[in-house]
Amino acid sequence: VPAQLQVDLGRLFDEYRQSLLYNA
């Protein structure tokens, strides 16, 4: 992923992971 999008995508991945863990 282009460098400028890596931070945003990483944040989205973390949010998604957290939402799944919330409903673990």
PDB file of all heavy atoms in Angstrom:
ATOM      1  N   VAL A   1       0.851  -1.189   0.000  1.00  0.00           N
ATOM      2  CA  VAL A   1       0.000   0.000   0.000  1.00  0.00           C
ATOM      3  C   VAL A   1       0.890   1.244   0.000  1.00  0.00           C
ATOM      4  O   VAL A   1       1.911   1.279   0.698  1.00  0.00           O
ATOM      5  CB  VAL A   1      -0.908  -0.014   1.259  1.00  0.00           C
ATOM      6  CG1 VAL A   1      -1.721   1.256   1.362  1.00  0.00           C
ATOM      7  CG2 VAL A   1      -1.805  -1.225   1.230  1.00  0.00           C
ATOM      8  N   PRO A   2       0.525   2.276  -0.767  1.00  0.00           N
ATOM      9  CA  PRO A   2       1.320   3.513  -0.747  1.00  0.00           C
ATOM     10  C   PRO A   2       1.484   4.035   0.680  1.00  0.00           C
ATOM     11  O   PRO A   2       0.572   3.931   1.511  1.00  0.00           O
ATOM     12  CB  PRO A   2       0.496   4.481  -1.596  1.00  0.00           C
ATOM     13  CG  PRO A   2      -0.361   3.617  -2.455  1.00  0.00           C
ATOM     14  CD  PRO A   2      -0.613   2.360  -1.667  1.00  0.00           C
ATOM     15  N   ALA A   3       2.652   4.615   0.945  1.00  0.00           N
ATOM     16  CA  ALA A   3       3.015   5.046   2.300  1.00  0.00           C
ATOM     17  C   ALA A   3       1.959   5.947   2.937  1.00  0.00           C
ATOM     18  O   ALA A   3       1.643   5.801   4.123  1.00  0.00           O
ATOM     19  CB  ALA A   3       4.372   5.746   2.283  1.00  0.00           C
ATOM     20  N   GLN A   4       1.389   6.865   2.175  1.00  0.00           N
ATOM     21  CA  GLN A   4       0.421   7.797   2.748  1.00  0.00           C
ATOM     22  C   GLN A   4      -0.855   7.100   3.219  1.00  0.00           C
ATOM     23  O   GLN A   4      -1.555   7.602   4.090  1.00  0.00           O
ATOM     24  CB  GLN A   4       0.095   8.945   1.775  1.00  0.00           C
ATOM     25  CG  GLN A   4      -0.661   8.528   0.527  1.00  0.00           C
ATOM     26  CD  GLN A   4       0.225   8.169  -0.653  1.00  0.00           C
ATOM     27  OE1 GLN A   4       1.398   7.854  -0.486  1.00  0.00           O
ATOM     28  NE2 GLN A   4      -0.346   8.215  -1.850  1.00  0.00           N
ATOM     29  N   LEU A   5      -1.140   5.920   2.679  1.00  0.00           N
ATOM     30  CA  LEU A   5      -2.340   5.191   3.084  1.00  0.00           C
ATOM     31  C   LEU A   5      -2.077   4.137   4.156  1.00  0.00           C
ATOM     32  O   LEU A   5      -3.017   3.648   4.784  1.00  0.00           O
ATOM     33  CB  LEU A   5      -2.977   4.506   1.864  1.00  0.00           C
ATOM     34  CG  LEU A   5      -3.501   5.432   0.766  1.00  0.00           C
ATOM     35  CD1 LEU A   5      -4.048   4.604  -0.382  1.00  0.00           C
ATOM     36  CD2 LEU A   5      -4.555   6.368   1.304  1.00  0.00           C
ATOM     37  N   GLN A   6      -0.820   3.776   4.361  1.00  0.00           N
ATOM     38  CA  GLN A   6      -0.495   2.725   5.320  1.00  0.00           C
ATOM     39  C   GLN A   6      -0.977   3.049   6.729  1.00  0.00           C
ATOM     40  O   GLN A   6      -1.516   2.178   7.412  1.00  0.00           O
ATOM     41  CB  GLN A   6       1.012   2.452   5.339  1.00  0.00           C
ATOM     42  CG  GLN A   6       1.476   1.673   4.133  1.00  0.00           C
ATOM     43  CD  GLN A   6       2.939   1.308   4.200  1.00  0.00           C
ATOM     44  OE1 GLN A   6       3.590   1.455   5.220  1.00  0.00           O
ATOM     45  NE2 GLN A   6       3.465   0.822   3.091  1.00  0.00           N
ATOM     46  N   VAL A   7      -0.802   4.296   7.150  1.00  0.00           N
ATOM     47  CA  VAL A   7      -1.226   4.680   8.505  1.00  0.00           C
ATOM     48  C   VAL A   7      -2.741   4.551   8.632  1.00  0.00           C
ATOM     49  O   VAL A   7      -3.243   3.970   9.595  1.00  0.00           O
ATOM     50  CB  VAL A   7      -0.753   6.108   8.848  1.00  0.00           C
ATOM     51  CG1 VAL A   7      -1.362   6.592  10.160  1.00  0.00           C
ATOM     52  CG2 VAL A   7       0.762   6.158   8.897  1.00  0.00           C
ATOM     53  N   ASP A   8      -3.473   5.072   7.639  1.00  0.00           N
ATOM     54  CA  ASP A   8      -4.939   4.989   7.681  1.00  0.00           C
ATOM     55  C   ASP A   8      -5.422   3.540   7.630  1.00  0.00           C
ATOM     56  O   ASP A   8      -6.321   3.158   8.373  1.00  0.00           O
ATOM     57  CB  ASP A   8      -5.560   5.773   6.520  1.00  0.00           C
ATOM     58  CG  ASP A   8      -5.370   7.269   6.666  1.00  0.00           C
ATOM     59  OD1 ASP A   8      -5.161   7.746   7.806  1.00  0.00           O
ATOM     60  OD2 ASP A   8      -5.427   7.971   5.636  1.00  0.00           O
ATOM     61  N   LEU A   9      -4.816   2.759   6.764  1.00  0.00           N
ATOM     62  CA  LEU A   9      -5.221   1.367   6.646  1.00  0.00           C
ATOM     63  C   LEU A   9      -4.877   0.609   7.934  1.00  0.00           C
ATOM     64  O   LEU A   9      -5.682  -0.190   8.416  1.00  0.00           O
ATOM     65  CB  LEU A   9      -4.547   0.716   5.443  1.00  0.00           C
ATOM     66  CG  LEU A   9      -5.042  -0.668   5.052  1.00  0.00           C
ATOM     67  CD1 LEU A   9      -6.542  -0.673   4.809  1.00  0.00           C
ATOM     68  CD2 LEU A   9      -4.319  -1.163   3.820  1.00  0.00           C
ATOM     69  N   GLY A  10      -3.722   0.876   8.498  1.00  0.00           N
ATOM     70  CA  GLY A  10      -3.349   0.254   9.765  1.00  0.00           C
ATOM     71  C   GLY A  10      -4.341   0.597  10.861  1.00  0.00           C
ATOM     72  O   GLY A  10      -4.720  -0.266  11.665  1.00  0.00           O
ATOM     73  N   ARG A  11      -4.792   1.829  10.886  1.00  0.00           N
ATOM     74  CA  ARG A  11      -5.786   2.254  11.871  1.00  0.00           C
ATOM     75  C   ARG A  11      -7.109   1.524  11.654  1.00  0.00           C
ATOM     76  O   ARG A  11      -7.752   1.073  12.611  1.00  0.00           O
ATOM     77  CB  ARG A  11      -5.989   3.768  11.788  1.00  0.00           C
ATOM     78  CG  ARG A  11      -6.759   4.347  12.949  1.00  0.00           C
ATOM     79  CD  ARG A  11      -6.843   5.876  12.928  1.00  0.00           C
ATOM     80  NE  ARG A  11      -5.524   6.477  12.775  1.00  0.00           N
ATOM     81  CZ  ARG A  11      -5.194   7.348  11.797  1.00  0.00           C
ATOM     82  NH1 ARG A  11      -6.088   7.723  10.912  1.00  0.00           N
ATOM     83  NH2 ARG A  11      -3.980   7.833  11.717  1.00  0.00           N
ATOM     84  N   LEU A  12      -7.515   1.401  10.400  1.00  0.00           N
ATOM     85  CA  LEU A  12      -8.756   0.669  10.087  1.00  0.00           C
ATOM     86  C   LEU A  12      -8.645  -0.800  10.497  1.00  0.00           C
ATOM     87  O   LEU A  12      -9.590  -1.369  11.042  1.00  0.00           O
ATOM     88  CB  LEU A  12      -9.074   0.768   8.598  1.00  0.00           C
ATOM     89  CG  LEU A  12      -9.620   2.098   8.114  1.00  0.00           C
ATOM     90  CD1 LEU A  12      -9.728   2.099   6.594  1.00  0.00           C
ATOM     91  CD2 LEU A  12     -10.968   2.384   8.741  1.00  0.00           C
ATOM     92  N   PHE A  13      -7.506  -1.411  10.228  1.00  0.00           N
ATOM     93  CA  PHE A  13      -7.299  -2.798  10.630  1.00  0.00           C
ATOM     94  C   PHE A  13      -7.406  -2.934  12.140  1.00  0.00           C
ATOM     95  O   PHE A  13      -8.021  -3.869  12.653  1.00  0.00           O
ATOM     96  CB  PHE A  13      -5.947  -3.309  10.151  1.00  0.00           C
ATOM     97  CG  PHE A  13      -5.883  -3.667   8.684  1.00  0.00           C
ATOM     98  CD1 PHE A  13      -4.698  -4.092   8.128  1.00  0.00           C
ATOM     99  CD2 PHE A  13      -6.987  -3.572   7.852  1.00  0.00           C
ATOM    100  CE1 PHE A  13      -4.619  -4.434   6.777  1.00  0.00           C
ATOM    101  CE2 PHE A  13      -6.921  -3.897   6.512  1.00  0.00           C
ATOM    102  CZ  PHE A  13      -5.726  -4.333   5.974  1.00  0.00           C
ATOM    103  N   ASP A  14      -6.787  -1.996  12.861  1.00  0.00           N
ATOM    104  CA  ASP A  14      -6.856  -2.037  14.332  1.00  0.00           C
ATOM    105  C   ASP A  14      -8.289  -1.880  14.820  1.00  0.00           C
ATOM    106  O   ASP A  14      -8.710  -2.573  15.747  1.00  0.00           O
ATOM    107  CB  ASP A  14      -5.973  -0.945  14.945  1.00  0.00           C
ATOM    108  CG  ASP A  14      -4.499  -1.260  14.819  1.00  0.00           C
ATOM    109  OD1 ASP A  14      -4.151  -2.439  14.601  1.00  0.00           O
ATOM    110  OD2 ASP A  14      -3.689  -0.309  14.934  1.00  0.00           O
ATOM    111  N   GLU A  15      -9.044  -0.972  14.201  1.00  0.00           N
ATOM    112  CA  GLU A  15     -10.445  -0.782  14.591  1.00  0.00           C
ATOM    113  C   GLU A  15     -11.259  -2.048  14.320  1.00  0.00           C
ATOM    114  O   GLU A  15     -12.089  -2.434  15.140  1.00  0.00           O
ATOM    115  CB  GLU A  15     -11.056   0.404  13.836  1.00  0.00           C
ATOM    116  CG  GLU A  15     -10.583   1.750  14.322  1.00  0.00           C
ATOM    117  CD  GLU A  15     -11.162   2.899  13.509  1.00  0.00           C
ATOM    118  OE1 GLU A  15     -12.265   2.735  12.930  1.00  0.00           O
ATOM    119  OE2 GLU A  15     -10.505   3.949  13.454  1.00  0.00           O
ATOM    120  N   TYR A  16     -11.010  -2.647  13.177  1.00  0.00           N
ATOM    121  CA  TYR A  16     -11.734  -3.868  12.841  1.00  0.00           C
ATOM    122  C   TYR A  16     -11.401  -4.972  13.847  1.00  0.00           C
ATOM    123  O   TYR A  16     -12.291  -5.647  14.362  1.00  0.00           O
ATOM    124  CB  TYR A  16     -11.388  -4.310  11.415  1.00  0.00           C
ATOM    125  CG  TYR A  16     -12.106  -5.563  10.988  1.00  0.00           C
ATOM    126  CD1 TYR A  16     -13.502  -5.601  10.905  1.00  0.00           C
ATOM    127  CD2 TYR A  16     -11.401  -6.723  10.664  1.00  0.00           C
ATOM    128  CE1 TYR A  16     -14.170  -6.757  10.520  1.00  0.00           C
ATOM    129  CE2 TYR A  16     -12.060  -7.872  10.268  1.00  0.00           C
ATOM    130  CZ  TYR A  16     -13.438  -7.885  10.198  1.00  0.00           C
ATOM    131  OH  TYR A  16     -14.091  -9.029   9.819  1.00  0.00           O
ATOM    132  N   ARG A  17     -10.121  -5.140  14.126  1.00  0.00           N
ATOM    133  CA  ARG A  17      -9.682  -6.145  15.099  1.00  0.00           C
ATOM    134  C   ARG A  17     -10.337  -5.890  16.458  1.00  0.00           C
ATOM    135  O   ARG A  17     -10.832  -6.814  17.106  1.00  0.00           O
ATOM    136  CB  ARG A  17      -8.158  -6.125  15.219  1.00  0.00           C
ATOM    137  CG  ARG A  17      -7.582  -7.253  16.030  1.00  0.00           C
ATOM    138  CD  ARG A  17      -6.052  -7.208  16.100  1.00  0.00           C
ATOM    139  NE  ARG A  17      -5.421  -7.354  14.782  1.00  0.00           N
ATOM    140  CZ  ARG A  17      -4.828  -6.367  14.106  1.00  0.00           C
ATOM    141  NH1 ARG A  17      -4.740  -5.158  14.595  1.00  0.00           N
ATOM    142  NH2 ARG A  17      -4.291  -6.597  12.931  1.00  0.00           N
ATOM    143  N   GLN A  18     -10.371  -4.641  16.886  1.00  0.00           N
ATOM    144  CA  GLN A  18     -10.974  -4.297  18.176  1.00  0.00           C
ATOM    145  C   GLN A  18     -12.471  -4.588  18.182  1.00  0.00           C
ATOM    146  O   GLN A  18     -13.010  -5.048  19.196  1.00  0.00           O
ATOM    147  CB  GLN A  18     -10.704  -2.829  18.532  1.00  0.00           C
ATOM    148  CG  GLN A  18      -9.266  -2.530  18.890  1.00  0.00           C
ATOM    149  CD  GLN A  18      -8.730  -3.443  19.974  1.00  0.00           C
ATOM    150  OE1 GLN A  18      -9.366  -3.662  20.997  1.00  0.00           O
ATOM    151  NE2 GLN A  18      -7.560  -4.021  19.731  1.00  0.00           N
ATOM    152  N   SER A  19     -13.146  -4.318  17.069  1.00  0.00           N
ATOM    153  CA  SER A  19     -14.586  -4.603  17.014  1.00  0.00           C
ATOM    154  C   SER A  19     -14.844  -6.098  17.125  1.00  0.00           C
ATOM    155  O   SER A  19     -15.811  -6.532  17.756  1.00  0.00           O
ATOM    156  CB  SER A  19     -15.212  -4.038  15.739  1.00  0.00           C
ATOM    157  OG  SER A  19     -14.844  -4.788  14.603  1.00  0.00           O
ATOM    158  N   LEU A  20     -13.974  -6.904  16.529  1.00  0.00           N
ATOM    159  CA  LEU A  20     -14.122  -8.349  16.638  1.00  0.00           C
ATOM    160  C   LEU A  20     -13.829  -8.821  18.055  1.00  0.00           C
ATOM    161  O   LEU A  20     -14.523  -9.689  18.586  1.00  0.00           O
ATOM    162  CB  LEU A  20     -13.207  -9.055  15.637  1.00  0.00           C
ATOM    163  CG  LEU A  20     -13.571  -8.852  14.165  1.00  0.00           C
ATOM    164  CD1 LEU A  20     -12.483  -9.417  13.263  1.00  0.00           C
ATOM    165  CD2 LEU A  20     -14.919  -9.467  13.830  1.00  0.00           C
ATOM    166  N   LEU A  21     -12.822  -8.238  18.673  1.00  0.00           N
ATOM    167  CA  LEU A  21     -12.492  -8.601  20.053  1.00  0.00           C
ATOM    168  C   LEU A  21     -13.585  -8.170  21.026  1.00  0.00           C
ATOM    169  O   LEU A  21     -13.831  -8.830  22.030  1.00  0.00           O
ATOM    170  CB  LEU A  21     -11.144  -7.998  20.453  1.00  0.00           C
ATOM    171  CG  LEU A  21      -9.931  -8.640  19.781  1.00  0.00           C
ATOM    172  CD1 LEU A  21      -8.678  -7.811  20.043  1.00  0.00           C
ATOM    173  CD2 LEU A  21      -9.757 -10.074  20.247  1.00  0.00           C
ATOM    174  N   TYR A  22     -14.244  -7.060  20.710  1.00  0.00           N
ATOM    175  CA  TYR A  22     -15.341  -6.582  21.555  1.00  0.00           C
ATOM    176  C   TYR A  22     -16.458  -7.625  21.642  1.00  0.00           C
ATOM    177  O   TYR A  22     -17.097  -7.782  22.677  1.00  0.00           O
ATOM    178  CB  TYR A  22     -15.884  -5.254  21.010  1.00  0.00           C
ATOM    179  CG  TYR A  22     -17.019  -4.687  21.819  1.00  0.00           C
ATOM    180  CD1 TYR A  22     -16.776  -4.022  23.020  1.00  0.00           C
ATOM    181  CD2 TYR A  22     -18.336  -4.830  21.395  1.00  0.00           C
ATOM    182  CE1 TYR A  22     -17.813  -3.512  23.781  1.00  0.00           C
ATOM    183  CE2 TYR A  22     -19.383  -4.321  22.149  1.00  0.00           C
ATOM    184  CZ  TYR A  22     -19.109  -3.658  23.331  1.00  0.00           C
ATOM    185  OH  TYR A  22     -20.143  -3.155  24.089  1.00  0.00           O
ATOM    186  N   ASN A  23     -16.649  -8.333  20.541  1.00  0.00           N
ATOM    187  CA  ASN A  23     -17.687  -9.372  20.481  1.00  0.00           C
ATOM    188  C   ASN A  23     -17.087 -10.772  20.580  1.00  0.00           C
ATOM    189  O   ASN A  23     -17.631 -11.729  20.039  1.00  0.00           O
ATOM    190  CB  ASN A  23     -18.480  -9.239  19.177  1.00  0.00           C
ATOM    191  CG  ASN A  23     -19.287  -7.972  19.144  1.00  0.00           C
ATOM    192  OD1 ASN A  23     -20.015  -7.681  20.082  1.00  0.00           O
ATOM    193  ND2 ASN A  23     -19.136  -7.207  18.074  1.00  0.00           N
ATOM    194  N   ALA A  24     -15.976 -10.905  21.286  1.00  0.00           N
ATOM    195  CA  ALA A  24     -15.267 -12.177  21.368  1.00  0.00           C
ATOM    196  C   ALA A  24     -16.013 -13.240  22.167  1.00  0.00           C
ATOM    197  O   ALA A  24     -15.529 -14.359  22.293  1.00  0.00           O
ATOM    198  CB  ALA A  24     -13.869 -11.963  21.951  1.00  0.00           C
TER     199      ALA A  24
END
